[in-house]
Amino acid sequence: PPGTGDEILTVTQTLQLDAAIIVT
């Protein structure tokens, strides 16, 4: 979802992400 809230924090702390695509 938009922003930098709970959903994003949950996933980034749970998974070892390889990449992040930031859309503007």
PDB file of all heavy atoms in Angstrom:
ATOM      1  N   PRO A   1       0.856  -1.195   0.000  1.00  0.00           N
ATOM      2  CA  PRO A   1       0.000   0.000   0.000  1.00  0.00           C
ATOM      3  C   PRO A   1       0.888   1.240   0.000  1.00  0.00           C
ATOM      4  O   PRO A   1       2.104   1.138   0.224  1.00  0.00           O
ATOM      5  CB  PRO A   1      -0.776  -0.135   1.312  1.00  0.00           C
ATOM      6  CG  PRO A   1       0.156  -0.868   2.213  1.00  0.00           C
ATOM      7  CD  PRO A   1       0.869  -1.858   1.320  1.00  0.00           C
ATOM      8  N   PRO A   2       0.311   2.424  -0.232  1.00  0.00           N
ATOM      9  CA  PRO A   2       1.107   3.654  -0.192  1.00  0.00           C
ATOM     10  C   PRO A   2       1.678   3.911   1.204  1.00  0.00           C
ATOM     11  O   PRO A   2       1.146   3.430   2.209  1.00  0.00           O
ATOM     12  CB  PRO A   2       0.093   4.738  -0.560  1.00  0.00           C
ATOM     13  CG  PRO A   2      -1.027   4.018  -1.232  1.00  0.00           C
ATOM     14  CD  PRO A   2      -1.092   2.674  -0.599  1.00  0.00           C
ATOM     15  N   GLY A   3       2.739   4.676   1.249  1.00  0.00           N
ATOM     16  CA  GLY A   3       3.300   5.092   2.530  1.00  0.00           C
ATOM     17  C   GLY A   3       4.434   4.220   3.018  1.00  0.00           C
ATOM     18  O   GLY A   3       5.041   3.460   2.258  1.00  0.00           O
ATOM     19  N   THR A   4       4.707   4.334   4.310  1.00  0.00           N
ATOM     20  CA  THR A   4       5.810   3.588   4.927  1.00  0.00           C
ATOM     21  C   THR A   4       5.340   2.993   6.256  1.00  0.00           C
ATOM     22  O   THR A   4       6.014   3.111   7.279  1.00  0.00           O
ATOM     23  CB  THR A   4       7.026   4.513   5.161  1.00  0.00           C
ATOM     24  OG1 THR A   4       6.604   5.673   5.912  1.00  0.00           O
ATOM     25  CG2 THR A   4       7.636   4.974   3.853  1.00  0.00           C
ATOM     26  N   GLY A   5       4.160   2.362   6.222  1.00  0.00           N
ATOM     27  CA  GLY A   5       3.537   1.903   7.458  1.00  0.00           C
ATOM     28  C   GLY A   5       3.766   0.451   7.823  1.00  0.00           C
ATOM     29  O   GLY A   5       4.729  -0.184   7.388  1.00  0.00           O
ATOM     30  N   ASP A   6       2.827  -0.084   8.617  1.00  0.00           N
ATOM     31  CA  ASP A   6       2.943  -1.414   9.205  1.00  0.00           C
ATOM     32  C   ASP A   6       3.177  -2.519   8.182  1.00  0.00           C
ATOM     33  O   ASP A   6       3.994  -3.410   8.394  1.00  0.00           O
ATOM     34  CB  ASP A   6       1.670  -1.756   9.992  1.00  0.00           C
ATOM     35  CG  ASP A   6       1.630  -1.069  11.343  1.00  0.00           C
ATOM     36  OD1 ASP A   6       2.690  -0.590  11.792  1.00  0.00           O
ATOM     37  OD2 ASP A   6       0.552  -1.010  11.948  1.00  0.00           O
ATOM     38  N   GLU A   7       2.418  -2.484   7.070  1.00  0.00           N
ATOM     39  CA  GLU A   7       2.508  -3.557   6.097  1.00  0.00           C
ATOM     40  C   GLU A   7       3.928  -3.689   5.556  1.00  0.00           C
ATOM     41  O   GLU A   7       4.479  -4.785   5.442  1.00  0.00           O
ATOM     42  CB  GLU A   7       1.538  -3.329   4.939  1.00  0.00           C
ATOM     43  CG  GLU A   7       0.069  -3.343   5.355  1.00  0.00           C
ATOM     44  CD  GLU A   7      -0.480  -1.957   5.630  1.00  0.00           C
ATOM     45  OE1 GLU A   7       0.293  -1.104   6.116  1.00  0.00           O
ATOM     46  OE2 GLU A   7      -1.670  -1.726   5.357  1.00  0.00           O
ATOM     47  N   ILE A   8       4.522  -2.547   5.216  1.00  0.00           N
ATOM     48  CA  ILE A   8       5.864  -2.559   4.632  1.00  0.00           C
ATOM     49  C   ILE A   8       6.886  -2.988   5.672  1.00  0.00           C
ATOM     50  O   ILE A   8       7.778  -3.807   5.393  1.00  0.00           O
ATOM     51  CB  ILE A   8       6.208  -1.166   4.065  1.00  0.00           C
ATOM     52  CG1 ILE A   8       5.168  -0.762   3.017  1.00  0.00           C
ATOM     53  CG2 ILE A   8       7.605  -1.154   3.475  1.00  0.00           C
ATOM     54  CD1 ILE A   8       5.321   0.630   2.493  1.00  0.00           C
ATOM     55  N   LEU A   9       6.756  -2.463   6.867  1.00  0.00           N
ATOM     56  CA  LEU A   9       7.688  -2.819   7.930  1.00  0.00           C
ATOM     57  C   LEU A   9       7.613  -4.316   8.240  1.00  0.00           C
ATOM     58  O   LEU A   9       8.636  -4.978   8.420  1.00  0.00           O
ATOM     59  CB  LEU A   9       7.381  -2.008   9.187  1.00  0.00           C
ATOM     60  CG  LEU A   9       8.404  -2.086  10.325  1.00  0.00           C
ATOM     61  CD1 LEU A   9       9.761  -1.594   9.850  1.00  0.00           C
ATOM     62  CD2 LEU A   9       7.931  -1.268  11.518  1.00  0.00           C
ATOM     63  N   THR A  10       6.400  -4.861   8.269  1.00  0.00           N
ATOM     64  CA  THR A  10       6.215  -6.283   8.554  1.00  0.00           C
ATOM     65  C   THR A  10       6.951  -7.150   7.544  1.00  0.00           C
ATOM     66  O   THR A  10       7.695  -8.072   7.902  1.00  0.00           O
ATOM     67  CB  THR A  10       4.717  -6.648   8.533  1.00  0.00           C
ATOM     68  OG1 THR A  10       4.066  -5.973   9.602  1.00  0.00           O
ATOM     69  CG2 THR A  10       4.517  -8.145   8.698  1.00  0.00           C
ATOM     70  N   VAL A  11       6.760  -6.858   6.261  1.00  0.00           N
ATOM     71  CA  VAL A  11       7.371  -7.689   5.219  1.00  0.00           C
ATOM     72  C   VAL A  11       8.881  -7.527   5.185  1.00  0.00           C
ATOM     73  O   VAL A  11       9.623  -8.513   5.080  1.00  0.00           O
ATOM     74  CB  VAL A  11       6.762  -7.363   3.843  1.00  0.00           C
ATOM     75  CG1 VAL A  11       7.503  -8.112   2.739  1.00  0.00           C
ATOM     76  CG2 VAL A  11       5.282  -7.745   3.813  1.00  0.00           C
ATOM     77  N   THR A  12       9.361  -6.295   5.278  1.00  0.00           N
ATOM     78  CA  THR A  12      10.805  -6.078   5.203  1.00  0.00           C
ATOM     79  C   THR A  12      11.542  -6.661   6.401  1.00  0.00           C
ATOM     80  O   THR A  12      12.726  -7.002   6.306  1.00  0.00           O
ATOM     81  CB  THR A  12      11.130  -4.580   5.075  1.00  0.00           C
ATOM     82  OG1 THR A  12      10.478  -3.841   6.112  1.00  0.00           O
ATOM     83  CG2 THR A  12      10.697  -4.034   3.727  1.00  0.00           C
ATOM     84  N   GLN A  13      10.857  -6.802   7.531  1.00  0.00           N
ATOM     85  CA  GLN A  13      11.478  -7.419   8.692  1.00  0.00           C
ATOM     86  C   GLN A  13      11.335  -8.944   8.675  1.00  0.00           C
ATOM     87  O   GLN A  13      12.041  -9.642   9.397  1.00  0.00           O
ATOM     88  CB  GLN A  13      10.868  -6.864   9.982  1.00  0.00           C
ATOM     89  CG  GLN A  13      11.254  -5.419  10.266  1.00  0.00           C
ATOM     90  CD  GLN A  13      10.644  -4.886  11.552  1.00  0.00           C
ATOM     91  OE1 GLN A  13       9.576  -5.327  11.972  1.00  0.00           O
ATOM     92  NE2 GLN A  13      11.327  -3.949  12.185  1.00  0.00           N
ATOM     93  N   THR A  14      10.413  -9.446   7.852  1.00  0.00           N
ATOM     94  CA  THR A  14      10.152 -10.882   7.803  1.00  0.00           C
ATOM     95  C   THR A  14      10.885 -11.562   6.660  1.00  0.00           C
ATOM     96  O   THR A  14      11.388 -12.680   6.805  1.00  0.00           O
ATOM     97  CB  THR A  14       8.633 -11.146   7.654  1.00  0.00           C
ATOM     98  OG1 THR A  14       7.943 -10.496   8.723  1.00  0.00           O
ATOM     99  CG2 THR A  14       8.324 -12.629   7.695  1.00  0.00           C
ATOM    100  N   LEU A  15      10.951 -10.890   5.493  1.00  0.00           N
ATOM    101  CA  LEU A  15      11.598 -11.452   4.322  1.00  0.00           C
ATOM    102  C   LEU A  15      12.956 -10.802   4.084  1.00  0.00           C
ATOM    103  O   LEU A  15      13.174  -9.648   4.452  1.00  0.00           O
ATOM    104  CB  LEU A  15      10.737 -11.239   3.074  1.00  0.00           C
ATOM    105  CG  LEU A  15       9.356 -11.884   3.030  1.00  0.00           C
ATOM    106  CD1 LEU A  15       8.695 -11.575   1.692  1.00  0.00           C
ATOM    107  CD2 LEU A  15       9.425 -13.379   3.263  1.00  0.00           C
ATOM    108  N   GLN A  16      13.844 -11.538   3.455  1.00  0.00           N
ATOM    109  CA  GLN A  16      15.108 -10.968   2.996  1.00  0.00           C
ATOM    110  C   GLN A  16      14.899 -10.497   1.553  1.00  0.00           C
ATOM    111  O   GLN A  16      15.139 -11.247   0.596  1.00  0.00           O
ATOM    112  CB  GLN A  16      16.241 -11.997   3.073  1.00  0.00           C
ATOM    113  CG  GLN A  16      16.748 -12.286   4.478  1.00  0.00           C
ATOM    114  CD  GLN A  16      15.842 -13.253   5.240  1.00  0.00           C
ATOM    115  OE1 GLN A  16      15.568 -14.358   4.776  1.00  0.00           O
ATOM    116  NE2 GLN A  16      15.380 -12.850   6.417  1.00  0.00           N
ATOM    117  N   LEU A  17      14.443  -9.261   1.414  1.00  0.00           N
ATOM    118  CA  LEU A  17      14.155  -8.733   0.084  1.00  0.00           C
ATOM    119  C   LEU A  17      15.441  -8.610  -0.738  1.00  0.00           C
ATOM    120  O   LEU A  17      16.502  -8.263  -0.218  1.00  0.00           O
ATOM    121  CB  LEU A  17      13.482  -7.366   0.182  1.00  0.00           C
ATOM    122  CG  LEU A  17      12.065  -7.325   0.745  1.00  0.00           C
ATOM    123  CD1 LEU A  17      11.603  -5.885   0.878  1.00  0.00           C
ATOM    124  CD2 LEU A  17      11.102  -8.102  -0.144  1.00  0.00           C
ATOM    125  N   ASP A  18      15.312  -8.874  -2.045  1.00  0.00           N
ATOM    126  CA  ASP A  18      16.443  -8.711  -2.954  1.00  0.00           C
ATOM    127  C   ASP A  18      16.394  -7.365  -3.666  1.00  0.00           C
ATOM    128  O   ASP A  18      17.431  -6.846  -4.080  1.00  0.00           O
ATOM    129  CB  ASP A  18      16.434  -9.832  -4.003  1.00  0.00           C
ATOM    130  CG  ASP A  18      16.635 -11.197  -3.371  1.00  0.00           C
ATOM    131  OD1 ASP A  18      17.769 -11.488  -2.958  1.00  0.00           O
ATOM    132  OD2 ASP A  18      15.652 -11.956  -3.263  1.00  0.00           O
ATOM    133  N   ALA A  19      15.187  -6.816  -3.813  1.00  0.00           N
ATOM    134  CA  ALA A  19      15.064  -5.548  -4.528  1.00  0.00           C
ATOM    135  C   ALA A  19      13.793  -4.822  -4.116  1.00  0.00           C
ATOM    136  O   ALA A  19      12.821  -5.438  -3.676  1.00  0.00           O
ATOM    137  CB  ALA A  19      15.060  -5.785  -6.039  1.00  0.00           C
ATOM    138  N   ALA A  20      13.828  -3.505  -4.281  1.00  0.00           N
ATOM    139  CA  ALA A  20      12.653  -2.662  -4.052  1.00  0.00           C
ATOM    140  C   ALA A  20      12.500  -1.736  -5.246  1.00  0.00           C
ATOM    141  O   ALA A  20      13.446  -1.018  -5.603  1.00  0.00           O
ATOM    142  CB  ALA A  20      12.805  -1.859  -2.768  1.00  0.00           C
ATOM    143  N   ILE A  21      11.334  -1.785  -5.874  1.00  0.00           N
ATOM    144  CA  ILE A  21      11.023  -0.903  -7.002  1.00  0.00           C
ATOM    145  C   ILE A  21      10.129   0.207  -6.484  1.00  0.00           C
ATOM    146  O   ILE A  21       9.007  -0.030  -6.040  1.00  0.00           O
ATOM    147  CB  ILE A  21      10.304  -1.672  -8.132  1.00  0.00           C
ATOM    148  CG1 ILE A  21      11.096  -2.924  -8.529  1.00  0.00           C
ATOM    149  CG2 ILE A  21      10.069  -0.760  -9.326  1.00  0.00           C
ATOM    150  CD1 ILE A  21      12.487  -2.643  -9.007  1.00  0.00           C
ATOM    151  N   ILE A  22      10.622   1.435  -6.530  1.00  0.00           N
ATOM    152  CA  ILE A  22       9.886   2.597  -6.033  1.00  0.00           C
ATOM    153  C   ILE A  22       9.229   3.302  -7.217  1.00  0.00           C
ATOM    154  O   ILE A  22       9.907   3.691  -8.166  1.00  0.00           O
ATOM    155  CB  ILE A  22      10.821   3.594  -5.308  1.00  0.00           C
ATOM    156  CG1 ILE A  22      11.821   2.863  -4.397  1.00  0.00           C
ATOM    157  CG2 ILE A  22      10.004   4.619  -4.555  1.00  0.00           C
ATOM    158  CD1 ILE A  22      11.216   2.150  -3.233  1.00  0.00           C
ATOM    159  N   VAL A  23       7.913   3.442  -7.155  1.00  0.00           N
ATOM    160  CA  VAL A  23       7.170   4.026  -8.272  1.00  0.00           C
ATOM    161  C   VAL A  23       6.840   5.480  -7.971  1.00  0.00           C
ATOM    162  O   VAL A  23       6.331   5.813  -6.897  1.00  0.00           O
ATOM    163  CB  VAL A  23       5.865   3.245  -8.533  1.00  0.00           C
ATOM    164  CG1 VAL A  23       5.129   3.824  -9.742  1.00  0.00           C
ATOM    165  CG2 VAL A  23       6.162   1.761  -8.754  1.00  0.00           C
ATOM    166  N   THR A  24       7.137   6.340  -8.936  1.00  0.00           N
ATOM    167  CA  THR A  24       6.807   7.755  -8.806  1.00  0.00           C
ATOM    168  C   THR A  24       6.167   8.225 -10.099  1.00  0.00           C
ATOM    169  O   THR A  24       5.971   7.454 -11.041  1.00  0.00           O
ATOM    170  CB  THR A  24       8.049   8.591  -8.462  1.00  0.00           C
ATOM    171  OG1 THR A  24       7.652   9.925  -8.133  1.00  0.00           O
ATOM    172  CG2 THR A  24       9.048   8.625  -9.611  1.00  0.00           C
TER     173      THR A  24
END
